[in-house]
Amino acid sequence: MYEYELQQARSAELRRRAEHERLARAIVRGRRAARREAAGRAAAERSDGGAGSESHTHLLRRLGFARPA
């Protein structure tokens, strides 16, 4: 009888751990989705922001040809 009770306790603990891990994964999924949504909104605001919010990376590009040593 003792072994049966011990097995029941182990099984209950495994179920609790599995439920906790499922909850943690759901929270992480929600946070990722919120981050993606916020990034999408920020990108939309940048594209609608006008000339002041344009990226200037094209000014920082290196020249297309190699310099002589």
N, C-alpha and C. Protein backbone atom coordinates (compact mmCIF):
# COMPACT_ATOMS: atom_id res chain seq x y z
N MET A 1 0.82 -1.19 0.00
CA MET A 1 0.00 0.00 0.00
C MET A 1 0.87 1.27 0.00
N TYR A 2 1.98 1.21 0.71
CA TYR A 2 2.86 2.36 0.78
C TYR A 2 3.37 2.75 -0.61
N GLU A 3 3.73 1.76 -1.43
CA GLU A 3 4.24 2.04 -2.76
C GLU A 3 3.18 2.72 -3.62
N TYR A 4 1.94 2.32 -3.45
CA TYR A 4 0.85 2.92 -4.21
C TYR A 4 0.70 4.39 -3.86
N GLU A 5 0.73 4.71 -2.58
CA GLU A 5 0.60 6.11 -2.15
C GLU A 5 1.79 6.93 -2.62
N LEU A 6 2.97 6.34 -2.57
CA LEU A 6 4.16 7.04 -3.06
C LEU A 6 4.04 7.33 -4.56
N GLN A 7 3.55 6.36 -5.31
CA GLN A 7 3.37 6.56 -6.74
C GLN A 7 2.31 7.64 -7.01
N GLN A 8 1.26 7.67 -6.23
CA GLN A 8 0.23 8.69 -6.38
C GLN A 8 0.81 10.08 -6.12
N ALA A 9 1.63 10.20 -5.10
CA ALA A 9 2.26 11.49 -4.78
C ALA A 9 3.20 11.93 -5.90
N ARG A 10 3.99 11.00 -6.43
CA ARG A 10 4.90 11.33 -7.54
C ARG A 10 4.11 11.77 -8.77
N SER A 11 3.04 11.05 -9.04
CA SER A 11 2.22 11.39 -10.20
C SER A 11 1.60 12.78 -10.04
N ALA A 12 1.12 13.08 -8.85
CA ALA A 12 0.53 14.40 -8.60
C ALA A 12 1.58 15.49 -8.76
N GLU A 13 2.80 15.25 -8.27
CA GLU A 13 3.87 16.23 -8.41
C GLU A 13 4.23 16.44 -9.88
N LEU A 14 4.30 15.37 -10.67
CA LEU A 14 4.59 15.51 -12.10
C LEU A 14 3.51 16.31 -12.79
N ARG A 15 2.25 16.08 -12.42
CA ARG A 15 1.16 16.84 -13.02
C ARG A 15 1.26 18.32 -12.67
N ARG A 16 1.61 18.62 -11.42
CA ARG A 16 1.76 20.02 -11.01
C ARG A 16 2.90 20.68 -11.79
N ARG A 17 4.01 19.98 -11.94
CA ARG A 17 5.14 20.54 -12.70
C ARG A 17 4.76 20.78 -14.16
N ALA A 18 4.07 19.82 -14.75
CA ALA A 18 3.67 19.97 -16.15
C ALA A 18 2.73 21.16 -16.32
N GLU A 19 1.79 21.33 -15.40
CA GLU A 19 0.87 22.46 -15.48
C GLU A 19 1.62 23.78 -15.32
N HIS A 20 2.59 23.80 -14.41
CA HIS A 20 3.38 25.02 -14.22
C HIS A 20 4.18 25.35 -15.48
N GLU A 21 4.77 24.34 -16.11
CA GLU A 21 5.53 24.58 -17.34
C GLU A 21 4.63 25.04 -18.48
N ARG A 22 3.43 24.47 -18.58
CA ARG A 22 2.48 24.93 -19.60
C ARG A 22 2.11 26.40 -19.39
N LEU A 23 1.86 26.76 -18.14
CA LEU A 23 1.52 28.14 -17.82
C LEU A 23 2.68 29.07 -18.16
N ALA A 24 3.91 28.67 -17.83
CA ALA A 24 5.09 29.48 -18.13
C ALA A 24 5.25 29.67 -19.64
N ARG A 25 5.03 28.60 -20.41
CA ARG A 25 5.14 28.72 -21.87
C ARG A 25 4.06 29.66 -22.43
N ALA A 26 2.86 29.58 -21.87
CA ALA A 26 1.79 30.46 -22.33
C ALA A 26 2.12 31.92 -22.03
N ILE A 27 2.71 32.18 -20.88
CA ILE A 27 3.10 33.54 -20.53
C ILE A 27 4.17 34.05 -21.49
N VAL A 28 5.15 33.21 -21.78
CA VAL A 28 6.22 33.61 -22.71
C VAL A 28 5.64 33.89 -24.09
N ARG A 29 4.72 33.03 -24.55
CA ARG A 29 4.07 33.26 -25.85
C ARG A 29 3.34 34.59 -25.86
N GLY A 30 2.64 34.90 -24.80
CA GLY A 30 1.91 36.16 -24.72
C GLY A 30 2.84 37.36 -24.75
N ARG A 31 3.95 37.25 -24.02
CA ARG A 31 4.91 38.35 -24.02
C ARG A 31 5.53 38.55 -25.39
N ARG A 32 5.86 37.45 -26.07
CA ARG A 32 6.43 37.57 -27.41
C ARG A 32 5.42 38.22 -28.37
N ALA A 33 4.17 37.80 -28.28
CA ALA A 33 3.14 38.37 -29.15
C ALA A 33 2.99 39.86 -28.87
N ALA A 34 3.01 40.25 -27.60
CA ALA A 34 2.89 41.67 -27.27
C ALA A 34 4.09 42.45 -27.79
N ARG A 35 5.29 41.85 -27.70
CA ARG A 35 6.48 42.53 -28.21
C ARG A 35 6.41 42.70 -29.71
N ARG A 36 5.95 41.64 -30.42
CA ARG A 36 5.81 41.73 -31.87
C ARG A 36 4.80 42.80 -32.26
N GLU A 37 3.69 42.83 -31.53
CA GLU A 37 2.66 43.82 -31.82
C GLU A 37 3.18 45.24 -31.57
N ALA A 38 3.90 45.43 -30.48
CA ALA A 38 4.46 46.75 -30.19
C ALA A 38 5.49 47.15 -31.25
N ALA A 39 6.30 46.20 -31.69
CA ALA A 39 7.28 46.50 -32.73
C ALA A 39 6.59 46.85 -34.04
N GLY A 40 5.51 46.15 -34.34
CA GLY A 40 4.75 46.46 -35.55
C GLY A 40 4.14 47.85 -35.49
N ARG A 41 3.59 48.20 -34.31
CA ARG A 41 3.02 49.55 -34.16
C ARG A 41 4.10 50.61 -34.26
N ALA A 42 5.27 50.35 -33.67
CA ALA A 42 6.37 51.31 -33.73
C ALA A 42 6.84 51.49 -35.17
N ALA A 43 6.91 50.39 -35.91
CA ALA A 43 7.32 50.49 -37.31
C ALA A 43 6.30 51.28 -38.12
N ALA A 44 5.02 51.07 -37.82
CA ALA A 44 3.97 51.80 -38.53
C ALA A 44 4.04 53.28 -38.21
N GLU A 45 4.33 53.60 -36.95
CA GLU A 45 4.46 55.02 -36.57
C GLU A 45 5.67 55.65 -37.23
N ARG A 46 6.77 54.88 -37.33
CA ARG A 46 7.96 55.43 -37.98
C ARG A 46 7.70 55.70 -39.46
N SER A 47 6.97 54.80 -40.10
CA SER A 47 6.72 55.00 -41.52
C SER A 47 5.75 56.14 -41.76
N ASP A 48 4.88 56.42 -40.81
CA ASP A 48 3.93 57.52 -40.94
C ASP A 48 4.46 58.81 -40.35
N GLY A 49 5.64 58.78 -39.75
CA GLY A 49 6.15 59.92 -38.99
C GLY A 49 6.62 61.08 -39.84
N GLY A 50 6.85 60.93 -41.09
CA GLY A 50 7.32 62.02 -41.93
C GLY A 50 8.81 61.97 -42.16
N ALA A 51 9.37 63.06 -42.68
CA ALA A 51 10.77 63.10 -43.07
C ALA A 51 11.71 63.08 -41.87
N GLY A 52 11.28 63.56 -40.72
CA GLY A 52 12.15 63.61 -39.55
C GLY A 52 12.48 62.25 -38.98
N SER A 53 11.68 61.25 -39.27
CA SER A 53 11.91 59.94 -38.67
C SER A 53 12.52 58.94 -39.64
N GLU A 54 12.98 59.39 -40.79
CA GLU A 54 13.56 58.47 -41.76
C GLU A 54 14.92 57.98 -41.30
N SER A 55 15.26 56.80 -41.69
CA SER A 55 16.54 56.22 -41.34
C SER A 55 17.63 56.84 -42.21
N HIS A 56 18.81 56.99 -41.62
CA HIS A 56 19.93 57.55 -42.37
C HIS A 56 21.02 56.52 -42.61
N THR A 57 20.64 55.26 -42.64
CA THR A 57 21.65 54.22 -42.83
C THR A 57 22.28 54.30 -44.21
N HIS A 58 21.57 54.84 -45.18
CA HIS A 58 22.15 54.94 -46.51
C HIS A 58 23.35 55.87 -46.52
N LEU A 59 23.45 56.76 -45.56
CA LEU A 59 24.59 57.66 -45.49
C LEU A 59 25.82 56.97 -44.91
N LEU A 60 25.62 55.88 -44.19
CA LEU A 60 26.71 55.22 -43.51
C LEU A 60 27.28 54.05 -44.29
N ARG A 61 26.70 53.76 -45.43
CA ARG A 61 27.19 52.63 -46.22
C ARG A 61 28.59 52.88 -46.74
N ARG A 62 29.35 51.82 -46.83
CA ARG A 62 30.71 51.94 -47.36
C ARG A 62 30.65 52.09 -48.89
N LEU A 63 31.71 52.60 -49.41
CA LEU A 63 31.79 52.75 -50.85
C LEU A 63 31.83 51.38 -51.52
N GLY A 64 31.37 51.31 -52.77
CA GLY A 64 31.28 50.04 -53.48
C GLY A 64 32.61 49.54 -54.00
N PHE A 65 33.66 50.34 -53.94
CA PHE A 65 34.95 49.89 -54.46
C PHE A 65 35.99 49.93 -53.34
N ALA A 66 37.00 49.08 -53.50
CA ALA A 66 38.04 48.99 -52.47
C ALA A 66 39.02 50.15 -52.60
N ARG A 67 39.49 50.59 -51.47
CA ARG A 67 40.49 51.67 -51.50
C ARG A 67 41.88 51.07 -51.70
N PRO A 68 42.74 51.77 -52.40
CA PRO A 68 44.12 51.26 -52.57
C PRO A 68 44.88 51.33 -51.25
N ALA A 69 45.74 50.39 -51.04
CA ALA A 69 46.50 50.34 -49.78
C ALA A 69 47.66 51.30 -49.78
